[in-house]
PDB file of N, CA and C in Angstrom:
ATOM      1  N   MET A   1       0.743  -1.328   0.008  1.00  0.00           N
ATOM      2  CA  MET A   1       0.189   0.307  -0.041  1.00  0.00           C
ATOM      3  C   MET A   1       1.034   1.338  -0.080  1.00  0.00           C
ATOM      4  N   LYS A   2       0.559   2.415  -0.921  1.00  0.00           N
ATOM      5  CA  LYS A   2       1.342   3.692  -0.913  1.00  0.00           C
ATOM      6  C   LYS A   2       0.146   4.636  -0.840  1.00  0.00           C
ATOM      7  N   ILE A   3       0.648   5.529  -0.140  1.00  0.00           N
ATOM      8  CA  ILE A   3      -0.383   7.087  -0.149  1.00  0.00           C
ATOM      9  C   ILE A   3       1.116   7.757  -0.215  1.00  0.00           C
ATOM     10  N   TYR A   4       0.035   8.677  -0.964  1.00  0.00           N
ATOM     11  CA  TYR A   4       0.879  10.370  -1.679  1.00  0.00           C
ATOM     12  C   TYR A   4       0.091  11.103  -0.728  1.00  0.00           C
ATOM     13  N   HIS A   5       1.242  11.534   0.017  1.00  0.00           N
ATOM     14  CA  HIS A   5       1.135  11.621   1.348  1.00  0.00           C
ATOM     15  C   HIS A   5       1.761  13.545   1.425  1.00  0.00           C
ATOM     16  N   ASN A   6       0.636  14.740   2.350  1.00  0.00           N
ATOM     17  CA  ASN A   6       1.604  16.010   2.320  1.00  0.00           C
ATOM     18  C   ASN A   6       1.137  16.060   4.021  1.00  0.00           C
ATOM     19  N   PRO A   7       2.580  16.147   4.425  1.00  0.00           N
ATOM     20  CA  PRO A   7       2.736  15.822   6.393  1.00  0.00           C
ATOM     21  C   PRO A   7       1.818  17.180   6.745  1.00  0.00           C
ATOM     22  N   ARG A   8       1.733  18.440   6.137  1.00  0.00           N
ATOM     23  CA  ARG A   8       0.846  19.284   6.486  1.00  0.00           C
ATOM     24  C   ARG A   8      -0.684  19.407   6.323  1.00  0.00           C
ATOM     25  N   CYS A   9      -0.953  18.802   5.572  1.00  0.00           N
ATOM     26  CA  CYS A   9      -2.375  18.658   5.409  1.00  0.00           C
ATOM     27  C   CYS A   9      -3.328  17.419   6.265  1.00  0.00           C
ATOM     28  N   ARG A  10      -4.041  18.224   6.982  1.00  0.00           N
ATOM     29  CA  ARG A  10      -4.968  17.836   8.334  1.00  0.00           C
ATOM     30  C   ARG A  10      -5.312  16.060   7.575  1.00  0.00           C
ATOM     31  N   LYS A  11      -6.460  16.284   6.634  1.00  0.00           N
ATOM     32  CA  LYS A  11      -6.833  15.092   5.879  1.00  0.00           C
ATOM     33  C   LYS A  11      -5.678  13.889   5.198  1.00  0.00           C
ATOM     34  N   SER A  12      -4.522  14.605   5.144  1.00  0.00           N
ATOM     35  CA  SER A  12      -3.597  13.336   4.372  1.00  0.00           C
ATOM     36  C   SER A  12      -2.897  12.662   6.047  1.00  0.00           C
ATOM     37  N   ARG A  13      -3.164  13.309   7.165  1.00  0.00           N
ATOM     38  CA  ARG A  13      -2.367  12.852   8.153  1.00  0.00           C
ATOM     39  C   ARG A  13      -3.773  11.898   9.015  1.00  0.00           C
ATOM     40  N   GLU A  14      -4.844  12.332   9.158  1.00  0.00           N
ATOM     41  CA  GLU A  14      -5.696  11.416   9.464  1.00  0.00           C
ATOM     42  C   GLU A  14      -6.102  10.388   8.801  1.00  0.00           C
ATOM     43  N   THR A  15      -5.536  10.683   7.315  1.00  0.00           N
ATOM     44  CA  THR A  15      -6.002   9.162   6.698  1.00  0.00           C
ATOM     45  C   THR A  15      -4.470   8.210   6.714  1.00  0.00           C
ATOM     46  N   LEU A  16      -3.896   8.648   6.946  1.00  0.00           N
ATOM     47  CA  LEU A  16      -2.335   7.816   7.361  1.00  0.00           C
ATOM     48  C   LEU A  16      -2.674   7.409   8.826  1.00  0.00           C
ATOM     49  N   GLN A  17      -2.771   8.116   9.523  1.00  0.00           N
ATOM     50  CA  GLN A  17      -3.349   7.290  10.800  1.00  0.00           C
ATOM     51  C   GLN A  17      -4.269   6.254  10.724  1.00  0.00           C
ATOM     52  N   LEU A  18      -5.309   6.214  10.268  1.00  0.00           N
ATOM     53  CA  LEU A  18      -6.304   5.577   9.815  1.00  0.00           C
ATOM     54  C   LEU A  18      -5.770   4.238   9.218  1.00  0.00           C
ATOM     55  N   ILE A  19      -4.722   3.989   8.551  1.00  0.00           N
ATOM     56  CA  ILE A  19      -3.824   3.272   7.614  1.00  0.00           C
ATOM     57  C   ILE A  19      -2.945   2.479   8.966  1.00  0.00           C
ATOM     58  N   GLN A  20      -2.397   3.308   9.222  1.00  0.00           N
ATOM     59  CA  GLN A  20      -1.575   2.904  10.304  1.00  0.00           C
ATOM     60  C   GLN A  20      -1.999   2.147  11.840  1.00  0.00           C
ATOM     61  N   ASP A  21      -3.570   2.770  12.253  1.00  0.00           N
ATOM     62  CA  ASP A  21      -4.531   2.319  13.377  1.00  0.00           C
ATOM     63  C   ASP A  21      -5.188   0.970  12.549  1.00  0.00           C
ATOM     64  N   ALA A  22      -4.786   0.268  11.299  1.00  0.00           N
ATOM     65  CA  ALA A  22      -5.249  -0.862  10.838  1.00  0.00           C
ATOM     66  C   ALA A  22      -3.857  -1.852  10.846  1.00  0.00           C
ATOM     67  N   GLY A  23      -3.173  -1.250  11.298  1.00  0.00           N
ATOM     68  CA  GLY A  23      -1.539  -2.018  11.514  1.00  0.00           C
ATOM     69  C   GLY A  23      -1.043  -1.997  10.319  1.00  0.00           C
ATOM     70  N   ILE A  24      -1.194  -1.264   9.467  1.00  0.00           N
ATOM     71  CA  ILE A  24      -0.256  -1.329   8.025  1.00  0.00           C
ATOM     72  C   ILE A  24       0.283  -0.213   7.924  1.00  0.00           C
ATOM     73  N   GLU A  25       1.893  -0.465   7.517  1.00  0.00           N
ATOM     74  CA  GLU A  25       2.656   0.435   7.599  1.00  0.00           C
ATOM     75  C   GLU A  25       2.888   0.994   5.901  1.00  0.00           C
ATOM     76  N   PRO A  26       2.240   1.659   5.343  1.00  0.00           N
ATOM     77  CA  PRO A  26       2.172   1.739   3.971  1.00  0.00           C
ATOM     78  C   PRO A  26       3.500   2.376   3.341  1.00  0.00           C
ATOM     79  N   GLU A  27       3.803   2.269   2.087  1.00  0.00           N
ATOM     80  CA  GLU A  27       4.946   3.252   1.387  1.00  0.00           C
ATOM     81  C   GLU A  27       4.291   4.613   1.702  1.00  0.00           C
ATOM     82  N   ILE A  28       4.957   5.729   1.987  1.00  0.00           N
ATOM     83  CA  ILE A  28       4.558   7.149   2.346  1.00  0.00           C
ATOM     84  C   ILE A  28       5.674   7.675   1.185  1.00  0.00           C
ATOM     85  N   ILE A  29       5.025   8.427   0.225  1.00  0.00           N
ATOM     86  CA  ILE A  29       5.419   9.516  -0.633  1.00  0.00           C
ATOM     87  C   ILE A  29       5.162  10.377  -0.477  1.00  0.00           C
ATOM     88  N   GLU A  30       5.594  11.300  -0.257  1.00  0.00           N
ATOM     89  CA  GLU A  30       5.596  12.913  -0.048  1.00  0.00           C
ATOM     90  C   GLU A  30       5.448  13.548  -1.560  1.00  0.00           C
ATOM     91  N   TYR A  31       4.944  13.426  -2.145  1.00  0.00           N
ATOM     92  CA  TYR A  31       4.490  13.787  -3.407  1.00  0.00           C
ATOM     93  C   TYR A  31       4.847  15.323  -3.883  1.00  0.00           C
ATOM     94  N   LEU A  32       4.734  16.022  -2.787  1.00  0.00           N
ATOM     95  CA  LEU A  32       5.281  17.712  -2.889  1.00  0.00           C
ATOM     96  C   LEU A  32       6.952  17.536  -3.172  1.00  0.00           C
ATOM     97  N   LYS A  33       7.455  16.490  -2.702  1.00  0.00           N
ATOM     98  CA  LYS A  33       9.025  16.444  -2.965  1.00  0.00           C
ATOM     99  C   LYS A  33       9.681  15.449  -4.011  1.00  0.00           C
ATOM    100  N   GLU A  34       8.768  14.532  -3.631  1.00  0.00           N
ATOM    101  CA  GLU A  34       8.983  13.174  -5.227  1.00  0.00           C
ATOM    102  C   GLU A  34       7.539  12.823  -6.130  1.00  0.00           C
ATOM    103  N   PRO A  35       7.473  14.371  -6.991  1.00  0.00           N
ATOM    104  CA  PRO A  35       6.057  14.299  -7.766  1.00  0.00           C
ATOM    105  C   PRO A  35       6.143  12.881  -8.379  1.00  0.00           C
ATOM    106  N   PRO A  36       4.923  11.985  -8.935  1.00  0.00           N
ATOM    107  CA  PRO A  36       4.994  10.918  -9.601  1.00  0.00           C
ATOM    108  C   PRO A  36       5.657  11.170 -10.958  1.00  0.00           C
ATOM    109  N   SER A  37       5.822  10.688 -11.754  1.00  0.00           N
ATOM    110  CA  SER A  37       5.864  10.473 -13.096  1.00  0.00           C
ATOM    111  C   SER A  37       4.549  10.986 -14.140  1.00  0.00           C
ATOM    112  N   VAL A  38       4.837  11.167 -15.316  1.00  0.00           N
ATOM    113  CA  VAL A  38       3.337  11.378 -15.702  1.00  0.00           C
ATOM    114  C   VAL A  38       2.887  10.068 -15.742  1.00  0.00           C
ATOM    115  N   GLU A  39       3.771   9.324 -16.151  1.00  0.00           N
ATOM    116  CA  GLU A  39       2.974   7.915 -16.421  1.00  0.00           C
ATOM    117  C   GLU A  39       2.532   7.236 -15.264  1.00  0.00           C
ATOM    118  N   GLU A  40       3.077   7.681 -13.970  1.00  0.00           N
ATOM    119  CA  GLU A  40       2.435   7.054 -12.938  1.00  0.00           C
ATOM    120  C   GLU A  40       1.457   7.631 -12.569  1.00  0.00           C
ATOM    121  N   LEU A  41       1.402   9.006 -12.522  1.00  0.00           N
ATOM    122  CA  LEU A  41       0.060   9.907 -12.470  1.00  0.00           C
ATOM    123  C   LEU A  41      -1.347   9.492 -13.241  1.00  0.00           C
ATOM    124  N   ASP A  42      -0.708   9.248 -14.454  1.00  0.00           N
ATOM    125  CA  ASP A  42      -1.965   8.893 -15.366  1.00  0.00           C
ATOM    126  C   ASP A  42      -2.491   7.358 -14.820  1.00  0.00           C
ATOM    127  N   ALA A  43      -1.413   6.186 -15.068  1.00  0.00           N
ATOM    128  CA  ALA A  43      -2.181   5.225 -13.913  1.00  0.00           C
ATOM    129  C   ALA A  43      -2.541   5.340 -12.657  1.00  0.00           C
ATOM    130  N   ILE A  44      -2.549   6.187 -11.908  1.00  0.00           N
ATOM    131  CA  ILE A  44      -3.261   6.762 -10.370  1.00  0.00           C
ATOM    132  C   ILE A  44      -4.722   6.940 -10.994  1.00  0.00           C
ATOM    133  N   LEU A  45      -4.512   7.929 -11.799  1.00  0.00           N
ATOM    134  CA  LEU A  45      -5.869   8.526 -11.788  1.00  0.00           C
ATOM    135  C   LEU A  45      -7.078   7.716 -12.648  1.00  0.00           C
ATOM    136  N   LYS A  46      -6.067   6.816 -13.173  1.00  0.00           N
ATOM    137  CA  LYS A  46      -7.121   5.928 -13.950  1.00  0.00           C
ATOM    138  C   LYS A  46      -7.753   4.702 -13.155  1.00  0.00           C
ATOM    139  N   LYS A  47      -6.945   5.010 -11.965  1.00  0.00           N
ATOM    140  CA  LYS A  47      -7.305   3.173 -10.644  1.00  0.00           C
ATOM    141  C   LYS A  47      -8.222   4.563 -10.058  1.00  0.00           C
ATOM    142  N   LEU A  48      -8.066   6.191  -9.694  1.00  0.00           N
ATOM    143  CA  LEU A  48      -9.230   6.250  -9.044  1.00  0.00           C
ATOM    144  C   LEU A  48     -10.486   6.664 -10.157  1.00  0.00           C
ATOM    145  N   LYS A  49     -10.639   6.204 -11.514  1.00  0.00           N
ATOM    146  CA  LYS A  49     -11.419   6.732 -12.242  1.00  0.00           C
ATOM    147  C   LYS A  49     -11.495   8.365 -12.358  1.00  0.00           C
ATOM    148  N   LEU A  50     -10.416   8.951 -12.267  1.00  0.00           N
ATOM    149  CA  LEU A  50     -10.632  10.506 -12.655  1.00  0.00           C
ATOM    150  C   LEU A  50     -10.045  11.099 -13.548  1.00  0.00           C
ATOM    151  N   GLU A  51     -10.958  12.079 -14.287  1.00  0.00           N
ATOM    152  CA  GLU A  51     -10.318  12.624 -15.165  1.00  0.00           C
ATOM    153  C   GLU A  51      -8.946  13.692 -14.707  1.00  0.00           C
ATOM    154  N   PRO A  52      -8.048  13.750 -15.506  1.00  0.00           N
ATOM    155  CA  PRO A  52      -6.976  14.806 -14.441  1.00  0.00           C
ATOM    156  C   PRO A  52      -7.898  15.818 -13.895  1.00  0.00           C
ATOM    157  N   GLN A  53      -8.355  16.970 -14.595  1.00  0.00           N
ATOM    158  CA  GLN A  53      -9.310  18.109 -14.539  1.00  0.00           C
ATOM    159  C   GLN A  53      -9.730  17.963 -13.069  1.00  0.00           C
ATOM    160  N   ASP A  54     -10.488  16.438 -12.808  1.00  0.00           N
ATOM    161  CA  ASP A  54     -11.090  16.516 -11.414  1.00  0.00           C
ATOM    162  C   ASP A  54     -10.368  15.793 -10.016  1.00  0.00           C
ATOM    163  N   GLY A  55      -8.945  15.688 -10.752  1.00  0.00           N
ATOM    164  CA  GLY A  55      -7.812  15.079  -9.426  1.00  0.00           C
ATOM    165  C   GLY A  55      -7.457  16.451  -9.128  1.00  0.00           C
ATOM    166  N   MET A  56      -7.630  18.097  -9.729  1.00  0.00           N
ATOM    167  CA  MET A  56      -7.037  19.123  -9.218  1.00  0.00           C
ATOM    168  C   MET A  56      -7.528  19.763  -8.122  1.00  0.00           C
ATOM    169  N   ARG A  57      -6.766  20.007  -7.202  1.00  0.00           N
ATOM    170  CA  ARG A  57      -7.266  20.915  -6.272  1.00  0.00           C
ATOM    171  C   ARG A  57      -7.362  22.736  -6.634  1.00  0.00           C
ATOM    172  N   LYS A  58      -8.560  23.002  -6.731  1.00  0.00           N
ATOM    173  CA  LYS A  58      -8.801  24.027  -8.143  1.00  0.00           C
ATOM    174  C   LYS A  58      -8.553  25.318  -7.318  1.00  0.00           C
ATOM    175  N   GLY A  59      -8.409  24.923  -5.811  1.00  0.00           N
ATOM    176  CA  GLY A  59      -8.794  26.268  -4.939  1.00  0.00           C
ATOM    177  C   GLY A  59      -6.883  26.691  -4.549  1.00  0.00           C
ATOM    178  N   GLU A  60      -5.925  26.059  -4.932  1.00  0.00           N
ATOM    179  CA  GLU A  60      -4.579  26.660  -5.489  1.00  0.00           C
ATOM    180  C   GLU A  60      -4.323  27.625  -5.837  1.00  0.00           C
ATOM    181  N   ALA A  61      -3.527  28.650  -5.309  1.00  0.00           N
ATOM    182  CA  ALA A  61      -2.926  29.806  -6.319  1.00  0.00           C
ATOM    183  C   ALA A  61      -2.480  29.677  -7.516  1.00  0.00           C
ATOM    184  N   VAL A  62      -1.833  28.287  -7.870  1.00  0.00           N
ATOM    185  CA  VAL A  62      -1.167  27.962  -9.187  1.00  0.00           C
ATOM    186  C   VAL A  62      -2.019  27.364 -10.021  1.00  0.00           C
ATOM    187  N   TYR A  63      -3.150  26.850  -9.508  1.00  0.00           N
ATOM    188  CA  TYR A  63      -4.372  27.226 -10.412  1.00  0.00           C
ATOM    189  C   TYR A  63      -4.896  27.916 -11.143  1.00  0.00           C
ATOM    190  N   LYS A  64      -5.003  29.178 -10.234  1.00  0.00           N
ATOM    191  CA  LYS A  64      -5.676  30.372 -10.494  1.00  0.00           C
ATOM    192  C   LYS A  64      -4.757  31.238 -11.785  1.00  0.00           C
ATOM    193  N   GLU A  65      -3.121  31.179 -11.204  1.00  0.00           N
ATOM    194  CA  GLU A  65      -1.996  31.629 -11.740  1.00  0.00           C
ATOM    195  C   GLU A  65      -1.870  31.527 -13.312  1.00  0.00           C
ATOM    196  N   LEU A  66      -2.267  29.951 -13.483  1.00  0.00           N
ATOM    197  CA  LEU A  66      -2.112  29.264 -15.125  1.00  0.00           C
ATOM    198  C   LEU A  66      -3.475  29.325 -15.275  1.00  0.00           C
ATOM    199  N   LYS A  67      -4.358  30.225 -14.948  1.00  0.00           N
ATOM    200  CA  LYS A  67      -5.741  30.242 -15.343  1.00  0.00           C
ATOM    201  C   LYS A  67      -6.481  28.915 -16.446  1.00  0.00           C
ATOM    202  N   LEU A  68      -6.246  27.463 -15.223  1.00  0.00           N
ATOM    203  CA  LEU A  68      -6.485  25.994 -15.958  1.00  0.00           C
ATOM    204  C   LEU A  68      -8.402  26.492 -16.015  1.00  0.00           C
ATOM    205  N   LYS A  69      -8.870  27.220 -15.219  1.00  0.00           N
ATOM    206  CA  LYS A  69     -10.380  27.005 -15.654  1.00  0.00           C
ATOM    207  C   LYS A  69     -10.710  27.448 -16.596  1.00  0.00           C
ATOM    208  N   ASP A  70     -10.052  28.204 -17.456  1.00  0.00           N
ATOM    209  CA  ASP A  70     -10.017  28.869 -18.681  1.00  0.00           C
ATOM    210  C   ASP A  70      -9.708  27.978 -19.894  1.00  0.00           C
ATOM    211  N   LYS A  71      -8.596  27.035 -19.735  1.00  0.00           N
ATOM    212  CA  LYS A  71      -8.128  25.879 -20.822  1.00  0.00           C
ATOM    213  C   LYS A  71      -8.831  24.840 -20.518  1.00  0.00           C
ATOM    214  N   ASP A  72      -8.696  24.758 -22.428  1.00  0.00           N
ATOM    215  CA  ASP A  72      -9.260  22.697 -22.624  1.00  0.00           C
ATOM    216  C   ASP A  72      -7.683  22.188 -22.959  1.00  0.00           C
ATOM    217  N   LEU A  73      -7.727  21.405 -21.686  1.00  0.00           N
ATOM    218  CA  LEU A  73      -6.651  20.526 -21.658  1.00  0.00           C
ATOM    219  C   LEU A  73      -6.766  19.242 -22.193  1.00  0.00           C
ATOM    220  N   THR A  74      -5.724  18.598 -23.121  1.00  0.00           N
ATOM    221  CA  THR A  74      -5.779  17.579 -23.367  1.00  0.00           C
ATOM    222  C   THR A  74      -5.622  16.717 -21.972  1.00  0.00           C
ATOM    223  N   ARG A  75      -5.907  15.113 -22.002  1.00  0.00           N
ATOM    224  CA  ARG A  75      -5.418  14.662 -20.550  1.00  0.00           C
ATOM    225  C   ARG A  75      -3.896  14.949 -20.439  1.00  0.00           C
ATOM    226  N   ASN A  76      -2.784  14.395 -21.822  1.00  0.00           N
ATOM    227  CA  ASN A  76      -1.577  14.227 -21.210  1.00  0.00           C
ATOM    228  C   ASN A  76      -0.960  15.759 -20.749  1.00  0.00           C
ATOM    229  N   GLU A  77      -1.698  16.554 -21.294  1.00  0.00           N
ATOM    230  CA  GLU A  77      -1.404  18.107 -20.952  1.00  0.00           C
ATOM    231  C   GLU A  77      -1.176  18.924 -19.423  1.00  0.00           C
ATOM    232  N   ALA A  78      -2.713  17.743 -18.986  1.00  0.00           N
ATOM    233  CA  ALA A  78      -3.103  18.290 -17.833  1.00  0.00           C
ATOM    234  C   ALA A  78      -2.445  17.723 -16.569  1.00  0.00           C
ATOM    235  N   ILE A  79      -2.150  16.365 -17.158  1.00  0.00           N
ATOM    236  CA  ILE A  79      -1.162  15.360 -16.112  1.00  0.00           C
ATOM    237  C   ILE A  79       0.312  16.054 -15.909  1.00  0.00           C
ATOM    238  N   LYS A  80       0.489  16.406 -17.231  1.00  0.00           N
ATOM    239  CA  LYS A  80       1.837  17.224 -16.907  1.00  0.00           C
ATOM    240  C   LYS A  80       2.026  18.446 -16.544  1.00  0.00           C
ATOM    241  N   ILE A  81       1.174  19.284 -16.506  1.00  0.00           N
ATOM    242  CA  ILE A  81       0.862  20.097 -15.709  1.00  0.00           C
ATOM    243  C   ILE A  81       0.743  20.097 -14.056  1.00  0.00           C
ATOM    244  N   MET A  82       0.390  18.760 -13.792  1.00  0.00           N
ATOM    245  CA  MET A  82       0.050  18.611 -12.449  1.00  0.00           C
ATOM    246  C   MET A  82       1.557  18.151 -11.909  1.00  0.00           C
ATOM    247  N   VAL A  83       2.130  16.903 -12.511  1.00  0.00           N
ATOM    248  CA  VAL A  83       3.320  16.935 -12.355  1.00  0.00           C
ATOM    249  C   VAL A  83       4.293  18.276 -11.933  1.00  0.00           C
ATOM    250  N   GLU A  84       4.478  18.709 -12.855  1.00  0.00           N
ATOM    251  CA  GLU A  84       5.269  20.107 -12.984  1.00  0.00           C
ATOM    252  C   GLU A  84       4.784  20.903 -11.463  1.00  0.00           C
ATOM    253  N   ASN A  85       3.489  20.742 -11.384  1.00  0.00           N
ATOM    254  CA  ASN A  85       2.848  21.613 -10.291  1.00  0.00           C
ATOM    255  C   ASN A  85       2.502  20.897  -9.215  1.00  0.00           C
ATOM    256  N   PRO A  86       2.921  19.638  -8.289  1.00  0.00           N
ATOM    257  CA  PRO A  86       2.254  19.179  -7.386  1.00  0.00           C
ATOM    258  C   PRO A  86       1.361  19.483  -6.462  1.00  0.00           C
ATOM    259  N   LYS A  87       1.404  20.762  -6.108  1.00  0.00           N
ATOM    260  CA  LYS A  87       0.279  20.990  -5.283  1.00  0.00           C
ATOM    261  C   LYS A  87      -1.131  21.059  -5.719  1.00  0.00           C
ATOM    262  N   LEU A  88      -1.117  20.918  -7.438  1.00  0.00           N
ATOM    263  CA  LEU A  88      -2.490  20.868  -7.823  1.00  0.00           C
ATOM    264  C   LEU A  88      -2.574  19.251  -7.872  1.00  0.00           C
ATOM    265  N   ILE A  89      -1.853  18.657  -7.365  1.00  0.00           N
ATOM    266  CA  ILE A  89      -2.563  16.913  -7.001  1.00  0.00           C
ATOM    267  C   ILE A  89      -3.703  17.087  -5.446  1.00  0.00           C
ATOM    268  N   GLU A  90      -4.742  16.330  -6.089  1.00  0.00           N
ATOM    269  CA  GLU A  90      -5.456  16.212  -4.790  1.00  0.00           C
ATOM    270  C   GLU A  90      -5.188  15.598  -3.982  1.00  0.00           C
ATOM    271  N   ARG A  91      -5.357  15.683  -2.657  1.00  0.00           N
ATOM    272  CA  ARG A  91      -4.732  14.798  -1.810  1.00  0.00           C
ATOM    273  C   ARG A  91      -5.498  14.014  -0.082  1.00  0.00           C
ATOM    274  N   PRO A  92      -4.947  13.261   0.171  1.00  0.00           N
ATOM    275  CA  PRO A  92      -3.953  12.354   0.047  1.00  0.00           C
ATOM    276  C   PRO A  92      -4.661  11.247  -0.850  1.00  0.00           C
ATOM    277  N   ILE A  93      -3.772  10.528  -1.819  1.00  0.00           N
ATOM    278  CA  ILE A  93      -4.252   9.210  -2.556  1.00  0.00           C
ATOM    279  C   ILE A  93      -3.833   8.057  -1.775  1.00  0.00           C
ATOM    280  N   VAL A  94      -4.590   6.936  -1.580  1.00  0.00           N
ATOM    281  CA  VAL A  94      -4.005   5.835  -1.372  1.00  0.00           C
ATOM    282  C   VAL A  94      -4.387   4.814  -2.604  1.00  0.00           C
ATOM    283  N   VAL A  95      -2.849   4.091  -2.697  1.00  0.00           N
ATOM    284  CA  VAL A  95      -3.048   3.304  -3.736  1.00  0.00           C
ATOM    285  C   VAL A  95      -2.821   1.589  -3.249  1.00  0.00           C
ATOM    286  N   LYS A  96      -3.838   0.205  -3.699  1.00  0.00           N
ATOM    287  CA  LYS A  96      -2.992  -0.632  -3.126  1.00  0.00           C
ATOM    288  C   LYS A  96      -3.987  -1.408  -4.670  1.00  0.00           C
ATOM    289  N   GLY A  97      -2.662  -2.175  -4.701  1.00  0.00           N
ATOM    290  CA  GLY A  97      -2.759  -2.912  -6.251  1.00  0.00           C
ATOM    291  C   GLY A  97      -3.284  -2.157  -7.209  1.00  0.00           C
ATOM    292  N   ARG A  98      -4.453  -2.807  -8.117  1.00  0.00           N
ATOM    293  CA  ARG A  98      -5.346  -2.322  -9.138  1.00  0.00           C
ATOM    294  C   ARG A  98      -5.944  -1.325  -8.702  1.00  0.00           C
ATOM    295  N   LYS A  99      -6.362  -1.054  -7.502  1.00  0.00           N
ATOM    296  CA  LYS A  99      -7.247   0.206  -6.670  1.00  0.00           C
ATOM    297  C   LYS A  99      -6.543   1.332  -5.953  1.00  0.00           C
ATOM    298  N   ALA A 100      -6.902   2.495  -6.189  1.00  0.00           N
ATOM    299  CA  ALA A 100      -6.822   3.753  -5.624  1.00  0.00           C
ATOM    300  C   ALA A 100      -8.121   4.066  -5.166  1.00  0.00           C
ATOM    301  N   ILE A 101      -7.893   5.095  -4.046  1.00  0.00           N
ATOM    302  CA  ILE A 101      -8.992   5.824  -3.081  1.00  0.00           C
ATOM    303  C   ILE A 101      -8.519   7.368  -2.765  1.00  0.00           C
ATOM    304  N   LEU A 102      -9.502   8.335  -2.993  1.00  0.00           N
ATOM    305  CA  LEU A 102      -8.999   9.639  -2.700  1.00  0.00           C
ATOM    306  C   LEU A 102      -9.416   9.535  -1.057  1.00  0.00           C
ATOM    307  N   GLY A 103      -8.392  10.576  -0.032  1.00  0.00           N
ATOM    308  CA  GLY A 103      -9.044  10.257   1.716  1.00  0.00           C
ATOM    309  C   GLY A 103      -9.807  11.550   1.529  1.00  0.00           C
ATOM    310  N   ARG A 104     -10.426  11.515   0.705  1.00  0.00           N
ATOM    311  CA  ARG A 104     -10.945  13.037   1.309  1.00  0.00           C
ATOM    312  C   ARG A 104     -12.552  12.688   1.131  1.00  0.00           C
ATOM    313  N   PRO A 105     -13.383  12.110   2.161  1.00  0.00           N
ATOM    314  CA  PRO A 105     -13.333  11.974   4.076  1.00  0.00           C
ATOM    315  C   PRO A 105     -12.184  10.833   3.633  1.00  0.00           C
ATOM    316  N   PRO A 106     -11.222  11.057   5.167  1.00  0.00           N
ATOM    317  CA  PRO A 106     -10.404   9.674   4.928  1.00  0.00           C
ATOM    318  C   PRO A 106     -11.245   8.700   5.456  1.00  0.00           C
ATOM    319  N   GLU A 107     -12.063   8.811   6.019  1.00  0.00           N
ATOM    320  CA  GLU A 107     -12.559   7.099   5.875  1.00  0.00           C
ATOM    321  C   GLU A 107     -12.901   6.548   4.931  1.00  0.00           C
ATOM    322  N   ASN A 108     -12.621   7.427   3.519  1.00  0.00           N
ATOM    323  CA  ASN A 108     -12.693   6.764   2.495  1.00  0.00           C
ATOM    324  C   ASN A 108     -12.020   5.037   1.886  1.00  0.00           C
ATOM    325  N   VAL A 109     -10.810   5.627   2.903  1.00  0.00           N
ATOM    326  CA  VAL A 109      -9.773   4.815   2.729  1.00  0.00           C
ATOM    327  C   VAL A 109      -9.828   3.200   3.403  1.00  0.00           C
ATOM    328  N   LYS A 110     -11.212   3.098   4.335  1.00  0.00           N
ATOM    329  CA  LYS A 110     -11.384   1.966   4.539  1.00  0.00           C
ATOM    330  C   LYS A 110     -11.663   1.184   3.626  1.00  0.00           C
ATOM    331  N   GLU A 111     -12.050   1.427   2.719  1.00  0.00           N
ATOM    332  CA  GLU A 111     -12.226   0.119   1.221  1.00  0.00           C
ATOM    333  C   GLU A 111     -11.101  -0.171   0.745  1.00  0.00           C
ATOM    334  N   LEU A 112      -9.994   0.202   1.178  1.00  0.00           N
ATOM    335  CA  LEU A 112      -8.434  -0.632   0.706  1.00  0.00           C
ATOM    336  C   LEU A 112      -8.037  -1.187   2.313  1.00  0.00           C
ATOM    337  N   LEU A 113      -8.315  -1.225   3.393  1.00  0.00           N
ATOM    338  CA  LEU A 113      -7.941  -1.971   4.099  1.00  0.00           C
ATOM    339  C   LEU A 113      -8.547  -3.546   4.630  1.00  0.00           C
TER     340      LEU A 113
END
């Protein structure tokens, strides 16, 4: 099990705690320090059954600065922007095998435990 984690995010910390409380020590990936590759993020979004724009944090300053709301991006372009600006990636994401869950709310992760 992997968690794409931001230790400064309360929801991310709560999700990690739920996993650890279940006796699982996941691989913790601090995606702001180590962003996934375009290929990795594409695979994660497919597991989440999300289009890139649905996995973006629209409240982030960089979203507004890049005027992403007004752009009609291809899937690949959107993923590339997310990898280059990892703050845009919605968090936390928990991956187990062929499944992935967005930990918003943290209780969502119980599906994978």
